Amino acid sequence: MELLDRCARPLRTSLVRSSMRRWLPWGLLGLMLGGSLLKALALLPDSYMSSKRNLLNMYFVKLAWAWTFWLLLPFIAITNYCLSRNVLEMLRRISTLLVGTMVWKDPRSQECNSY
């Protein structure tokens, strides 16, 4: 842990300086726009990791939706019930979330793709 602290000390001191804090958002914006421009001009070759069908990408998207779903489901149920005091309205709202999740397209199921 001491080694990590020693290595991070120069970065920490440079980020504390006000001049660095002022230019950091602009640098990150430039990095984002530059990366997008490189990808749009197709200067970088396509690889397995840049594919939407990447196994890691699909796993993490499903995992992210799973925990979001399990946090969103009680939130929708509680807020809709508290606002409307109508169980049928609450069940209708929850059913839209469930139906949307069930019909969520899997990118592997498409025969023809455009990329």
Protein backbone atom coordinates (compact mmCIF):
# COMPACT_ATOMS: atom_id res chain seq x y z
CA MET A 1 0.00 0.00 0.00
CA GLU A 2 2.91 2.33 0.72
CA LEU A 3 4.24 1.76 -2.79
CA LEU A 4 0.88 2.75 -4.26
CA ASP A 5 0.77 5.90 -2.13
CA ARG A 6 4.30 6.81 -3.17
CA CYS A 7 3.46 6.35 -6.85
CA ALA A 8 0.24 8.34 -6.59
CA ARG A 9 1.79 11.28 -4.70
CA PRO A 10 3.02 13.18 -7.83
CA LEU A 11 -0.37 12.74 -9.50
CA ARG A 12 -2.18 13.90 -6.39
CA THR A 13 -0.03 17.02 -6.03
CA SER A 14 -0.45 17.94 -9.70
CA LEU A 15 -4.23 17.54 -9.52
CA VAL A 16 -4.42 19.76 -6.44
CA ARG A 17 -2.86 22.69 -8.30
CA SER A 18 -5.52 25.11 -9.50
CA SER A 19 -4.01 25.40 -12.99
CA MET A 20 -4.28 21.65 -13.48
CA ARG A 21 -7.84 21.55 -12.17
CA ARG A 22 -8.80 24.31 -14.60
CA TRP A 23 -7.46 22.48 -17.67
CA LEU A 24 -8.36 18.90 -16.72
CA PRO A 25 -12.01 19.05 -17.93
CA TRP A 26 -10.89 20.53 -21.25
CA GLY A 27 -8.25 17.82 -21.62
CA LEU A 28 -10.78 15.09 -20.93
CA LEU A 29 -13.22 16.67 -23.40
CA GLY A 30 -10.48 16.80 -26.04
CA LEU A 31 -9.58 13.18 -25.38
CA MET A 32 -13.21 12.14 -25.74
CA LEU A 33 -13.74 14.10 -28.96
CA GLY A 34 -10.41 12.92 -30.40
CA GLY A 35 -11.24 9.28 -29.69
CA SER A 36 -14.68 9.67 -31.25
CA LEU A 37 -13.16 11.31 -34.32
CA LEU A 38 -10.62 8.49 -34.70
CA LYS A 39 -13.40 5.91 -34.54
CA ALA A 40 -15.66 7.86 -36.94
CA LEU A 41 -12.89 8.18 -39.52
CA ALA A 42 -12.18 4.45 -39.14
CA LEU A 43 -8.49 5.01 -38.50
CA LEU A 44 -8.52 2.26 -35.89
CA PRO A 45 -9.07 -1.33 -37.04
CA ASP A 46 -12.10 -3.21 -35.77
CA SER A 47 -11.34 -5.86 -33.22
CA TYR A 48 -13.21 -8.36 -31.13
CA MET A 49 -13.18 -6.03 -28.13
CA SER A 50 -14.85 -3.22 -30.12
CA SER A 51 -17.72 -5.45 -31.23
CA LYS A 52 -21.17 -5.16 -29.64
CA ARG A 53 -21.26 -8.96 -29.64
CA ASN A 54 -18.22 -9.16 -27.40
CA LEU A 55 -18.90 -11.72 -24.69
CA LEU A 56 -17.63 -9.43 -21.91
CA ASN A 57 -19.72 -6.54 -23.19
CA MET A 58 -22.88 -8.63 -23.32
CA TYR A 59 -22.23 -10.07 -19.85
CA PHE A 60 -21.67 -6.68 -18.23
CA VAL A 61 -24.68 -5.11 -19.98
CA LYS A 62 -26.91 -7.91 -18.69
CA LEU A 63 -25.36 -7.67 -15.21
CA ALA A 64 -25.84 -3.91 -15.14
CA TRP A 65 -29.46 -4.26 -16.19
CA ALA A 66 -30.02 -6.96 -13.55
CA TRP A 67 -28.99 -4.84 -10.59
CA THR A 68 -30.67 -1.75 -12.05
CA PHE A 69 -33.86 -3.78 -12.52
CA TRP A 70 -33.86 -5.07 -8.96
CA LEU A 71 -33.40 -1.54 -7.60
CA LEU A 72 -35.92 0.00 -10.00
CA LEU A 73 -38.67 -2.55 -9.40
CA PRO A 74 -39.31 -1.71 -5.70
CA PHE A 75 -38.83 2.01 -6.39
CA ILE A 76 -41.54 1.99 -9.06
CA ALA A 77 -43.84 -0.12 -6.89
CA ILE A 78 -43.49 2.06 -3.80
CA THR A 79 -43.70 5.43 -5.52
CA ASN A 80 -46.65 4.48 -7.72
CA TYR A 81 -48.55 3.01 -4.81
CA CYS A 82 -47.84 6.01 -2.59
CA LEU A 83 -48.93 8.47 -5.29
CA SER A 84 -52.01 6.72 -6.66
CA ARG A 85 -53.03 4.34 -3.84
CA ASN A 86 -54.18 2.06 -6.64
CA VAL A 87 -52.78 -1.46 -6.76
CA LEU A 88 -53.87 -2.03 -10.36
CA GLU A 89 -52.03 1.11 -11.53
CA MET A 90 -48.92 -0.02 -9.67
CA LEU A 91 -49.12 -3.49 -11.25
CA ARG A 92 -49.57 -1.93 -14.69
CA ARG A 93 -46.39 0.13 -14.24
CA ILE A 94 -44.44 -2.86 -13.01
CA SER A 95 -45.75 -5.03 -15.86
CA THR A 96 -44.42 -2.54 -18.43
CA LEU A 97 -40.97 -2.93 -16.90
CA LEU A 98 -41.26 -6.72 -16.90
CA VAL A 99 -42.52 -6.88 -20.50
CA GLY A 100 -39.78 -4.51 -21.65
CA THR A 101 -37.17 -6.71 -20.00
CA MET A 102 -38.57 -9.89 -21.54
CA VAL A 103 -38.64 -8.53 -25.10
CA TRP A 104 -35.19 -6.97 -24.84
CA LYS A 105 -33.44 -8.04 -28.04
CA ASP A 106 -30.29 -10.06 -27.83
CA PRO A 107 -27.76 -8.84 -30.45
CA ARG A 108 -26.86 -12.46 -31.23
CA SER A 109 -30.42 -13.14 -32.39
CA GLN A 110 -30.15 -10.87 -35.42
CA GLU A 111 -29.20 -12.67 -38.61
CA CYS A 112 -28.21 -9.58 -40.56
CA ASN A 113 -26.43 -6.70 -38.94
CA SER A 114 -25.24 -3.38 -40.26
CA TYR A 115 -21.81 -3.28 -38.66
